[in-house]
Amino acid sequence: MNWNAFWSAMLGTTIPAFVASLIMLYMTHRTNKALELHRNVLAERLSIIESELRKRAEMFSVWHQKRVNALVEIYEAFMLYLDFLRRALYIPDTRTNLDPMWDFRTAVERNLVFLDDGLQSQVQEFSGELLQFWNWAHQQKRTPGRLGEDPVQKRLDYEIPTYLEKLRQVINRYADPGYARSEESIKA
């Protein structure tokens, strides 16, 4: 046997390959530990984020439910107030209890906190217009006469009831993202 060739082969290829394999094995082991540590850190972060999202979703659902309840109360307050306006103003010189007017204002103000800015301004605009109508109606010189000739009665019959429809549309556009699309498909 030629020992010179044997040692030459061992030192030339086998030992460097063995050392390279050991280095690769060590590097793989280190990389696996680093990846495992990184995976644990990411899993911990993910659990924290999931917990936070669940908490926020719960808070949002509670807030959304309060918002829906507030919208229902506001709509009912408008309905009762429009009925009050009709009873109080349709026939000239009738005395009516003004409590429903203050109840309306209180119900609207109490529920405005749950609405976003756009919806809040729309509700305030509608209630302000109804208050302007109340003031306008009391400034009119009204005499009992034929039905249909009184401008207050005309507005009570035709203009004022549309506020409920306008409010319903505003609420539906706000609460239902598909409302505008369904409205357009009905028109088509």
N, C-alpha and C. Protein backbone atom coordinates (compact mmCIF):
# COMPACT_ATOMS: atom_id res chain seq x y z
N MET A 1 0.83 -1.16 0.00
CA MET A 1 0.00 0.00 0.00
C MET A 1 0.89 1.24 0.00
N ASN A 2 0.44 2.21 -0.70
CA ASN A 2 1.19 3.43 -0.85
C ASN A 2 0.63 4.42 0.17
N TRP A 3 1.37 4.57 1.27
CA TRP A 3 0.90 5.41 2.35
C TRP A 3 0.94 6.89 1.99
N ASN A 4 1.78 7.23 1.15
CA ASN A 4 1.91 8.60 0.73
C ASN A 4 0.63 9.04 -0.02
N ALA A 5 0.15 8.19 -0.88
CA ALA A 5 -1.08 8.49 -1.62
C ALA A 5 -2.28 8.50 -0.68
N PHE A 6 -2.27 7.59 0.30
CA PHE A 6 -3.37 7.50 1.25
C PHE A 6 -3.48 8.78 2.07
N TRP A 7 -2.33 9.23 2.64
CA TRP A 7 -2.35 10.44 3.45
C TRP A 7 -2.63 11.67 2.60
N SER A 8 -2.21 11.64 1.42
CA SER A 8 -2.47 12.75 0.52
C SER A 8 -3.97 12.86 0.22
N ALA A 9 -4.60 11.73 0.01
CA ALA A 9 -6.05 11.72 -0.25
C ALA A 9 -6.82 12.14 0.98
N MET A 10 -6.41 11.65 2.16
CA MET A 10 -7.10 11.97 3.40
C MET A 10 -6.98 13.46 3.71
N LEU A 11 -5.80 14.00 3.60
CA LEU A 11 -5.60 15.40 3.93
C LEU A 11 -6.14 16.32 2.84
N GLY A 12 -6.17 15.85 1.64
CA GLY A 12 -6.60 16.70 0.52
C GLY A 12 -8.12 16.84 0.43
N THR A 13 -8.89 15.77 0.67
CA THR A 13 -10.34 15.85 0.43
C THR A 13 -11.18 15.44 1.64
N THR A 14 -10.85 14.39 2.30
CA THR A 14 -11.73 13.86 3.33
C THR A 14 -11.75 14.73 4.58
N ILE A 15 -10.63 15.11 5.08
CA ILE A 15 -10.59 15.90 6.31
C ILE A 15 -11.19 17.29 6.08
N PRO A 16 -10.84 18.00 4.99
CA PRO A 16 -11.51 19.29 4.77
C PRO A 16 -13.02 19.14 4.60
N ALA A 17 -13.48 18.07 3.95
CA ALA A 17 -14.92 17.85 3.79
C ALA A 17 -15.56 17.59 5.15
N PHE A 18 -14.85 16.83 6.02
CA PHE A 18 -15.35 16.54 7.35
C PHE A 18 -15.46 17.82 8.18
N VAL A 19 -14.42 18.64 8.13
CA VAL A 19 -14.41 19.91 8.86
C VAL A 19 -15.53 20.82 8.32
N ALA A 20 -15.67 20.86 7.00
CA ALA A 20 -16.74 21.68 6.39
C ALA A 20 -18.10 21.17 6.84
N SER A 21 -18.25 19.85 6.94
CA SER A 21 -19.52 19.26 7.39
C SER A 21 -19.79 19.64 8.84
N LEU A 22 -18.77 19.59 9.68
CA LEU A 22 -18.95 19.98 11.08
C LEU A 22 -19.34 21.46 11.20
N ILE A 23 -18.68 22.29 10.41
CA ILE A 23 -19.01 23.73 10.43
C ILE A 23 -20.45 23.94 9.96
N MET A 24 -20.86 23.25 8.91
CA MET A 24 -22.23 23.36 8.40
C MET A 24 -23.24 22.86 9.44
N LEU A 25 -22.91 21.76 10.11
CA LEU A 25 -23.78 21.21 11.14
C LEU A 25 -23.92 22.21 12.29
N TYR A 26 -22.82 22.82 12.72
CA TYR A 26 -22.85 23.81 13.79
C TYR A 26 -23.68 25.03 13.37
N MET A 27 -23.47 25.50 12.14
CA MET A 27 -24.22 26.67 11.62
C MET A 27 -25.71 26.35 11.53
N THR A 28 -26.04 25.16 11.06
CA THR A 28 -27.45 24.75 10.96
C THR A 28 -28.08 24.71 12.35
N HIS A 29 -27.35 24.15 13.31
CA HIS A 29 -27.85 24.06 14.68
C HIS A 29 -28.09 25.46 15.26
N ARG A 30 -27.14 26.37 15.05
CA ARG A 30 -27.27 27.75 15.53
C ARG A 30 -28.44 28.46 14.86
N THR A 31 -28.57 28.27 13.55
CA THR A 31 -29.67 28.89 12.80
C THR A 31 -31.01 28.36 13.28
N ASN A 32 -31.10 27.06 13.51
CA ASN A 32 -32.35 26.46 14.01
C ASN A 32 -32.73 27.03 15.37
N LYS A 33 -31.75 27.18 16.28
CA LYS A 33 -32.02 27.76 17.59
C LYS A 33 -32.49 29.21 17.45
N ALA A 34 -31.83 29.97 16.59
CA ALA A 34 -32.22 31.38 16.37
C ALA A 34 -33.62 31.46 15.78
N LEU A 35 -33.92 30.59 14.81
CA LEU A 35 -35.26 30.57 14.21
C LEU A 35 -36.32 30.18 15.24
N GLU A 36 -36.00 29.20 16.08
CA GLU A 36 -36.93 28.76 17.13
C GLU A 36 -37.19 29.90 18.12
N LEU A 37 -36.15 30.60 18.51
CA LEU A 37 -36.31 31.74 19.40
C LEU A 37 -37.15 32.83 18.74
N HIS A 38 -36.85 33.12 17.47
CA HIS A 38 -37.61 34.12 16.73
C HIS A 38 -39.07 33.70 16.58
N ARG A 39 -39.30 32.42 16.32
CA ARG A 39 -40.66 31.91 16.19
C ARG A 39 -41.42 32.07 17.51
N ASN A 40 -40.77 31.80 18.63
CA ASN A 40 -41.41 31.98 19.94
C ASN A 40 -41.75 33.43 20.22
N VAL A 41 -40.83 34.33 19.87
CA VAL A 41 -41.09 35.76 20.05
C VAL A 41 -42.27 36.20 19.18
N LEU A 42 -42.30 35.74 17.93
CA LEU A 42 -43.41 36.09 17.04
C LEU A 42 -44.73 35.51 17.54
N ALA A 43 -44.70 34.28 18.05
CA ALA A 43 -45.92 33.67 18.60
C ALA A 43 -46.43 34.46 19.79
N GLU A 44 -45.52 34.92 20.63
CA GLU A 44 -45.91 35.73 21.78
C GLU A 44 -46.52 37.06 21.33
N ARG A 45 -45.88 37.71 20.37
CA ARG A 45 -46.42 38.97 19.82
C ARG A 45 -47.78 38.75 19.19
N LEU A 46 -47.90 37.65 18.45
CA LEU A 46 -49.18 37.33 17.80
C LEU A 46 -50.28 37.14 18.83
N SER A 47 -49.99 36.45 19.91
CA SER A 47 -51.02 36.24 20.94
C SER A 47 -51.42 37.56 21.59
N ILE A 48 -50.44 38.48 21.77
CA ILE A 48 -50.76 39.79 22.34
C ILE A 48 -51.63 40.58 21.37
N ILE A 49 -51.27 40.55 20.09
CA ILE A 49 -52.05 41.27 19.08
C ILE A 49 -53.46 40.69 18.96
N GLU A 50 -53.58 39.37 18.97
CA GLU A 50 -54.90 38.73 18.91
C GLU A 50 -55.75 39.13 20.11
N SER A 51 -55.14 39.14 21.28
CA SER A 51 -55.86 39.54 22.49
C SER A 51 -56.34 40.98 22.39
N GLU A 52 -55.45 41.86 21.89
CA GLU A 52 -55.81 43.26 21.71
C GLU A 52 -56.94 43.42 20.69
N LEU A 53 -56.85 42.68 19.60
CA LEU A 53 -57.90 42.75 18.58
C LEU A 53 -59.24 42.27 19.11
N ARG A 54 -59.22 41.19 19.88
CA ARG A 54 -60.47 40.70 20.48
C ARG A 54 -61.07 41.75 21.41
N LYS A 55 -60.20 42.38 22.19
CA LYS A 55 -60.66 43.42 23.12
C LYS A 55 -61.26 44.60 22.35
N ARG A 56 -60.55 45.02 21.30
CA ARG A 56 -61.05 46.15 20.50
C ARG A 56 -62.35 45.79 19.77
N ALA A 57 -62.43 44.56 19.26
CA ALA A 57 -63.65 44.13 18.58
C ALA A 57 -64.82 44.11 19.55
N GLU A 58 -64.57 43.67 20.76
CA GLU A 58 -65.63 43.66 21.77
C GLU A 58 -66.06 45.08 22.11
N MET A 59 -65.08 45.97 22.28
CA MET A 59 -65.40 47.37 22.57
C MET A 59 -66.16 47.99 21.40
N PHE A 60 -65.73 47.68 20.17
CA PHE A 60 -66.41 48.23 19.00
C PHE A 60 -67.84 47.70 18.92
N SER A 61 -68.05 46.42 19.20
CA SER A 61 -69.40 45.88 19.09
C SER A 61 -70.31 46.50 20.16
N VAL A 62 -69.76 46.73 21.36
CA VAL A 62 -70.55 47.39 22.41
C VAL A 62 -70.88 48.83 21.98
N TRP A 63 -69.87 49.53 21.48
CA TRP A 63 -70.08 50.92 21.03
C TRP A 63 -71.05 50.96 19.86
N HIS A 64 -70.93 50.03 18.94
CA HIS A 64 -71.83 49.99 17.79
C HIS A 64 -73.27 49.73 18.25
N GLN A 65 -73.44 48.84 19.21
CA GLN A 65 -74.78 48.57 19.73
C GLN A 65 -75.37 49.81 20.39
N LYS A 66 -74.53 50.54 21.13
CA LYS A 66 -75.01 51.79 21.74
C LYS A 66 -75.38 52.80 20.65
N ARG A 67 -74.59 52.82 19.59
CA ARG A 67 -74.86 53.72 18.47
C ARG A 67 -76.20 53.39 17.81
N VAL A 68 -76.44 52.11 17.60
CA VAL A 68 -77.70 51.68 16.99
C VAL A 68 -78.87 52.06 17.90
N ASN A 69 -78.72 51.81 19.20
CA ASN A 69 -79.78 52.19 20.15
C ASN A 69 -80.02 53.70 20.14
N ALA A 70 -78.93 54.46 20.04
CA ALA A 70 -79.06 55.92 20.00
C ALA A 70 -79.79 56.36 18.73
N LEU A 71 -79.48 55.73 17.60
CA LEU A 71 -80.17 56.08 16.35
C LEU A 71 -81.66 55.76 16.44
N VAL A 72 -81.99 54.64 17.04
CA VAL A 72 -83.40 54.27 17.21
C VAL A 72 -84.10 55.29 18.10
N GLU A 73 -83.46 55.68 19.20
CA GLU A 73 -84.05 56.68 20.10
C GLU A 73 -84.23 58.02 19.40
N ILE A 74 -83.23 58.42 18.62
CA ILE A 74 -83.33 59.70 17.90
C ILE A 74 -84.46 59.65 16.90
N TYR A 75 -84.59 58.55 16.17
CA TYR A 75 -85.67 58.42 15.19
C TYR A 75 -87.03 58.49 15.90
N GLU A 76 -87.16 57.79 17.03
CA GLU A 76 -88.42 57.83 17.78
C GLU A 76 -88.70 59.23 18.30
N ALA A 77 -87.65 59.93 18.75
CA ALA A 77 -87.83 61.29 19.24
C ALA A 77 -88.31 62.21 18.12
N PHE A 78 -87.74 62.06 16.93
CA PHE A 78 -88.20 62.84 15.78
C PHE A 78 -89.66 62.52 15.46
N MET A 79 -90.02 61.25 15.50
CA MET A 79 -91.38 60.84 15.19
C MET A 79 -92.36 61.48 16.19
N LEU A 80 -92.04 61.39 17.47
CA LEU A 80 -92.92 61.98 18.49
C LEU A 80 -92.96 63.51 18.36
N TYR A 81 -91.83 64.11 18.02
CA TYR A 81 -91.79 65.57 17.90
C TYR A 81 -92.61 66.04 16.69
N LEU A 82 -92.53 65.33 15.59
CA LEU A 82 -93.33 65.71 14.42
C LEU A 82 -94.81 65.57 14.73
N ASP A 83 -95.17 64.55 15.48
CA ASP A 83 -96.57 64.39 15.90
C ASP A 83 -96.97 65.55 16.81
N PHE A 84 -96.08 65.93 17.71
CA PHE A 84 -96.35 67.07 18.59
C PHE A 84 -96.54 68.36 17.78
N LEU A 85 -95.66 68.59 16.80
CA LEU A 85 -95.79 69.80 15.97
C LEU A 85 -97.15 69.84 15.28
N ARG A 86 -97.56 68.72 14.77
CA ARG A 86 -98.85 68.66 14.08
C ARG A 86 -100.00 68.97 15.05
N ARG A 87 -99.96 68.36 16.24
CA ARG A 87 -101.03 68.60 17.21
C ARG A 87 -101.00 70.05 17.72
N ALA A 88 -99.79 70.61 17.91
CA ALA A 88 -99.67 71.94 18.49
C ALA A 88 -99.94 73.06 17.49
N LEU A 89 -99.63 72.83 16.22
CA LEU A 89 -99.68 73.95 15.27
C LEU A 89 -100.75 73.84 14.19
N TYR A 90 -101.37 72.69 14.03
CA TYR A 90 -102.28 72.53 12.89
C TYR A 90 -103.49 73.45 12.99
N ILE A 91 -104.04 73.54 14.16
CA ILE A 91 -105.19 74.42 14.36
C ILE A 91 -104.69 75.66 15.10
N PRO A 92 -104.93 76.85 14.54
CA PRO A 92 -104.42 78.08 15.16
C PRO A 92 -105.01 78.29 16.55
N ASP A 93 -104.20 78.93 17.38
CA ASP A 93 -104.61 79.34 18.73
C ASP A 93 -105.04 78.18 19.63
N THR A 94 -104.39 77.04 19.49
CA THR A 94 -104.66 75.95 20.44
C THR A 94 -103.55 75.92 21.47
N ARG A 95 -103.93 75.68 22.70
CA ARG A 95 -102.96 75.60 23.78
C ARG A 95 -102.53 74.13 23.91
N THR A 96 -101.22 73.93 23.93
CA THR A 96 -100.68 72.57 24.01
C THR A 96 -99.55 72.55 25.03
N ASN A 97 -99.43 71.44 25.71
CA ASN A 97 -98.33 71.23 26.63
C ASN A 97 -97.03 71.18 25.83
N LEU A 98 -96.01 71.94 26.24
CA LEU A 98 -94.75 72.03 25.51
C LEU A 98 -93.71 71.02 25.96
N ASP A 99 -94.06 70.14 26.86
CA ASP A 99 -93.11 69.14 27.33
C ASP A 99 -92.52 68.29 26.20
N PRO A 100 -93.30 67.87 25.19
CA PRO A 100 -92.70 67.07 24.12
C PRO A 100 -91.58 67.79 23.37
N MET A 101 -91.64 69.11 23.31
CA MET A 101 -90.58 69.86 22.63
C MET A 101 -89.28 69.72 23.43
N TRP A 102 -89.36 69.81 24.73
CA TRP A 102 -88.17 69.69 25.57
C TRP A 102 -87.70 68.23 25.65
N ASP A 103 -88.66 67.31 25.64
CA ASP A 103 -88.30 65.89 25.64
C ASP A 103 -87.52 65.54 24.37
N PHE A 104 -87.95 66.12 23.25
CA PHE A 104 -87.27 65.90 21.97
C PHE A 104 -85.82 66.39 22.05
N ARG A 105 -85.66 67.61 22.51
CA ARG A 105 -84.32 68.20 22.60
C ARG A 105 -83.42 67.37 23.53
N THR A 106 -83.98 66.93 24.65
CA THR A 106 -83.22 66.13 25.62
C THR A 106 -82.82 64.79 25.02
N ALA A 107 -83.76 64.13 24.34
CA ALA A 107 -83.46 62.82 23.74
C ALA A 107 -82.37 62.93 22.67
N VAL A 108 -82.45 63.97 21.86
CA VAL A 108 -81.44 64.15 20.81
C VAL A 108 -80.08 64.43 21.43
N GLU A 109 -80.03 65.37 22.37
CA GLU A 109 -78.75 65.73 23.00
C GLU A 109 -78.13 64.56 23.74
N ARG A 110 -78.96 63.76 24.41
CA ARG A 110 -78.45 62.62 25.18
C ARG A 110 -77.80 61.58 24.27
N ASN A 111 -78.26 61.46 23.03
CA ASN A 111 -77.77 60.42 22.14
C ASN A 111 -76.74 60.89 21.13
N LEU A 112 -76.50 62.18 21.05
CA LEU A 112 -75.53 62.70 20.08
C LEU A 112 -74.11 62.21 20.36
N VAL A 113 -73.79 61.90 21.59
CA VAL A 113 -72.44 61.48 21.96
C VAL A 113 -72.05 60.19 21.25
N PHE A 114 -73.00 59.36 20.87
CA PHE A 114 -72.69 58.08 20.25
C PHE A 114 -72.52 58.17 18.74
N LEU A 115 -72.81 59.32 18.15
CA LEU A 115 -72.77 59.47 16.70
C LEU A 115 -71.45 60.06 16.25
N ASP A 116 -71.05 59.73 15.02
CA ASP A 116 -69.85 60.36 14.47
C ASP A 116 -70.20 61.78 14.04
N ASP A 117 -69.19 62.55 13.68
CA ASP A 117 -69.39 63.98 13.42
C ASP A 117 -70.37 64.26 12.28
N GLY A 118 -70.26 63.48 11.20
CA GLY A 118 -71.15 63.72 10.05
C GLY A 118 -72.61 63.47 10.39
N LEU A 119 -72.88 62.36 11.03
CA LEU A 119 -74.25 62.02 11.41
C LEU A 119 -74.77 62.98 12.47
N GLN A 120 -73.89 63.36 13.38
CA GLN A 120 -74.27 64.30 14.43
C GLN A 120 -74.69 65.63 13.83
N SER A 121 -73.94 66.11 12.86
CA SER A 121 -74.29 67.40 12.25
C SER A 121 -75.60 67.31 11.47
N GLN A 122 -75.86 66.17 10.82
CA GLN A 122 -77.13 66.00 10.09
C GLN A 122 -78.31 66.02 11.06
N VAL A 123 -78.20 65.31 12.17
CA VAL A 123 -79.29 65.27 13.15
C VAL A 123 -79.51 66.67 13.74
N GLN A 124 -78.42 67.37 14.05
CA GLN A 124 -78.56 68.72 14.58
C GLN A 124 -79.15 69.68 13.55
N GLU A 125 -78.79 69.47 12.29
CA GLU A 125 -79.34 70.32 11.23
C GLU A 125 -80.86 70.10 11.12
N PHE A 126 -81.29 68.84 11.12
CA PHE A 126 -82.72 68.56 11.03
C PHE A 126 -83.48 69.11 12.24
N SER A 127 -82.94 68.93 13.43
CA SER A 127 -83.64 69.43 14.62
C SER A 127 -83.64 70.96 14.63
N GLY A 128 -82.58 71.58 14.14
CA GLY A 128 -82.55 73.04 14.04
C GLY A 128 -83.58 73.56 13.04
N GLU A 129 -83.72 72.87 11.92
CA GLU A 129 -84.73 73.28 10.93
C GLU A 129 -86.14 73.16 11.51
N LEU A 130 -86.37 72.12 12.30
CA LEU A 130 -87.69 71.97 12.91
C LEU A 130 -87.95 73.06 13.95
N LEU A 131 -86.90 73.46 14.68
CA LEU A 131 -87.04 74.57 15.62
C LEU A 131 -87.30 75.87 14.88
N GLN A 132 -86.64 76.09 13.75
CA GLN A 132 -86.92 77.27 12.93
C GLN A 132 -88.36 77.25 12.43
N PHE A 133 -88.84 76.08 12.06
CA PHE A 133 -90.24 75.97 11.63
C PHE A 133 -91.17 76.35 12.78
N TRP A 134 -90.88 75.88 13.99
CA TRP A 134 -91.69 76.21 15.16
C TRP A 134 -91.74 77.73 15.33
N ASN A 135 -90.58 78.36 15.28
CA ASN A 135 -90.52 79.83 15.43
C ASN A 135 -91.25 80.53 14.29
N TRP A 136 -91.07 80.06 13.07
CA TRP A 136 -91.75 80.65 11.91
C TRP A 136 -93.26 80.53 12.06
N ALA A 137 -93.71 79.35 12.49
CA ALA A 137 -95.15 79.11 12.62
C ALA A 137 -95.78 80.05 13.65
N HIS A 138 -95.05 80.36 14.72
CA HIS A 138 -95.59 81.26 15.74
C HIS A 138 -95.54 82.72 15.32
N GLN A 139 -94.76 83.05 14.31
CA GLN A 139 -94.71 84.43 13.82
C GLN A 139 -95.79 84.69 12.78
N GLN A 140 -96.42 83.65 12.27
CA GLN A 140 -97.44 83.80 11.23
C GLN A 140 -98.74 84.33 11.83
N LYS A 141 -99.36 85.25 11.09
CA LYS A 141 -100.69 85.72 11.47
C LYS A 141 -101.68 84.71 10.91
N ARG A 142 -102.27 83.94 11.79
CA ARG A 142 -103.15 82.87 11.35
C ARG A 142 -104.57 83.13 11.83
N THR A 143 -105.47 82.94 10.94
CA THR A 143 -106.89 83.06 11.31
C THR A 143 -107.56 81.75 10.92
N PRO A 144 -108.47 81.29 11.75
CA PRO A 144 -109.19 80.06 11.37
C PRO A 144 -109.95 80.30 10.08
N GLY A 145 -109.79 79.46 9.14
CA GLY A 145 -110.44 79.62 7.86
C GLY A 145 -110.52 78.28 7.17
N ARG A 146 -110.56 78.34 5.86
CA ARG A 146 -110.67 77.11 5.09
C ARG A 146 -109.38 76.31 5.22
N LEU A 147 -109.56 75.01 5.28
CA LEU A 147 -108.40 74.13 5.32
C LEU A 147 -107.66 74.20 3.99
N GLY A 148 -106.36 74.13 4.05
CA GLY A 148 -105.55 74.13 2.84
C GLY A 148 -105.03 75.48 2.45
N GLU A 149 -105.54 76.56 3.06
CA GLU A 149 -105.06 77.90 2.72
C GLU A 149 -103.99 78.39 3.69
N ASP A 150 -103.93 77.80 4.85
CA ASP A 150 -102.97 78.21 5.88
C ASP A 150 -101.58 77.70 5.52
N PRO A 151 -100.54 78.58 5.45
CA PRO A 151 -99.19 78.14 5.08
C PRO A 151 -98.58 77.18 6.12
N VAL A 152 -98.94 77.36 7.39
CA VAL A 152 -98.43 76.46 8.43
C VAL A 152 -99.00 75.06 8.21
N GLN A 153 -100.28 75.00 7.93
CA GLN A 153 -100.91 73.70 7.67
C GLN A 153 -100.32 73.03 6.43
N LYS A 154 -100.06 73.83 5.40
CA LYS A 154 -99.46 73.26 4.19
C LYS A 154 -98.09 72.66 4.49
N ARG A 155 -97.28 73.38 5.24
CA ARG A 155 -95.94 72.86 5.57
C ARG A 155 -96.05 71.63 6.48
N LEU A 156 -97.02 71.64 7.39
CA LEU A 156 -97.23 70.48 8.26
C LEU A 156 -97.70 69.27 7.45
N ASP A 157 -98.44 69.51 6.39
CA ASP A 157 -98.94 68.40 5.56
C ASP A 157 -97.90 67.86 4.60
N TYR A 158 -97.07 68.73 4.03
CA TYR A 158 -96.20 68.31 2.93
C TYR A 158 -94.70 68.32 3.25
N GLU A 159 -94.23 69.37 3.89
CA GLU A 159 -92.78 69.51 4.09
C GLU A 159 -92.29 68.81 5.35
N ILE A 160 -92.95 69.03 6.44
CA ILE A 160 -92.47 68.54 7.74
C ILE A 160 -92.43 67.01 7.82
N PRO A 161 -93.40 66.27 7.30
CA PRO A 161 -93.31 64.79 7.37
C PRO A 161 -92.10 64.21 6.62
N THR A 162 -91.53 64.97 5.69
CA THR A 162 -90.38 64.44 4.93
C THR A 162 -89.12 64.34 5.79
N TYR A 163 -89.12 65.00 6.95
CA TYR A 163 -87.95 64.91 7.82
C TYR A 163 -87.71 63.48 8.30
N LEU A 164 -88.78 62.74 8.55
CA LEU A 164 -88.61 61.34 8.96
C LEU A 164 -87.96 60.53 7.84
N GLU A 165 -88.39 60.77 6.61
CA GLU A 165 -87.81 60.06 5.47
C GLU A 165 -86.34 60.44 5.28
N LYS A 166 -86.05 61.74 5.40
CA LYS A 166 -84.65 62.19 5.27
C LYS A 166 -83.78 61.56 6.37
N LEU A 167 -84.29 61.56 7.59
CA LEU A 167 -83.54 60.99 8.71
C LEU A 167 -83.34 59.48 8.51
N ARG A 168 -84.35 58.80 8.04
CA ARG A 168 -84.25 57.36 7.79
C ARG A 168 -83.17 57.08 6.75
N GLN A 169 -83.14 57.88 5.69
CA GLN A 169 -82.13 57.69 4.65
C GLN A 169 -80.72 57.95 5.19
N VAL A 170 -80.56 58.99 5.99
CA VAL A 170 -79.25 59.30 6.57
C VAL A 170 -78.80 58.17 7.48
N ILE A 171 -79.71 57.67 8.29
CA ILE A 171 -79.38 56.57 9.21
C ILE A 171 -79.02 55.31 8.42
N ASN A 172 -79.78 54.99 7.40
CA ASN A 172 -79.50 53.79 6.61
C ASN A 172 -78.18 53.90 5.85
N ARG A 173 -77.89 55.07 5.30
CA ARG A 173 -76.60 55.25 4.62
C ARG A 173 -75.45 55.09 5.60
N TYR A 174 -75.67 55.55 6.82
CA TYR A 174 -74.62 55.43 7.84
C TYR A 174 -74.46 53.99 8.32
N ALA A 175 -75.57 53.34 8.63
CA ALA A 175 -75.51 52.03 9.28
C ALA A 175 -75.31 50.87 8.31
N ASP A 176 -75.72 51.04 7.06
CA ASP A 176 -75.63 49.95 6.09
C ASP A 176 -74.78 50.38 4.90
N PRO A 177 -73.54 49.88 4.80
CA PRO A 177 -72.68 50.29 3.69
C PRO A 177 -73.25 49.92 2.33
N GLY A 178 -74.09 48.90 2.25
CA GLY A 178 -74.68 48.49 0.98
C GLY A 178 -75.96 49.23 0.66
N TYR A 179 -76.38 50.17 1.53
CA TYR A 179 -77.65 50.86 1.33
C TYR A 179 -77.65 51.71 0.06
N ALA A 180 -76.59 52.44 -0.18
CA ALA A 180 -76.52 53.31 -1.38
C ALA A 180 -76.57 52.46 -2.65
N ARG A 181 -75.87 51.33 -2.63
CA ARG A 181 -75.87 50.45 -3.82
C ARG A 181 -77.26 49.86 -4.04
N SER A 182 -77.93 49.45 -2.96
CA SER A 182 -79.26 48.87 -3.13
C SER A 182 -80.26 49.92 -3.57
N GLU A 183 -80.07 51.17 -3.11
CA GLU A 183 -80.93 52.28 -3.53
C GLU A 183 -80.76 52.55 -5.03
N GLU A 184 -79.51 52.49 -5.52
CA GLU A 184 -79.24 52.72 -6.94
C GLU A 184 -79.82 51.59 -7.79
N SER A 185 -79.74 50.35 -7.29
CA SER A 185 -80.25 49.24 -8.09
C SER A 185 -81.78 49.29 -8.17
N ILE A 186 -82.44 49.83 -7.17
CA ILE A 186 -83.90 49.97 -7.21
C ILE A 186 -84.30 51.01 -8.25
N LYS A 187 -83.53 52.11 -8.33
CA LYS A 187 -83.83 53.17 -9.29
C LYS A 187 -83.62 52.71 -10.74
N ALA A 188 -82.67 51.79 -10.93
CA ALA A 188 -82.34 51.34 -12.29
C ALA A 188 -83.36 50.40 -12.84
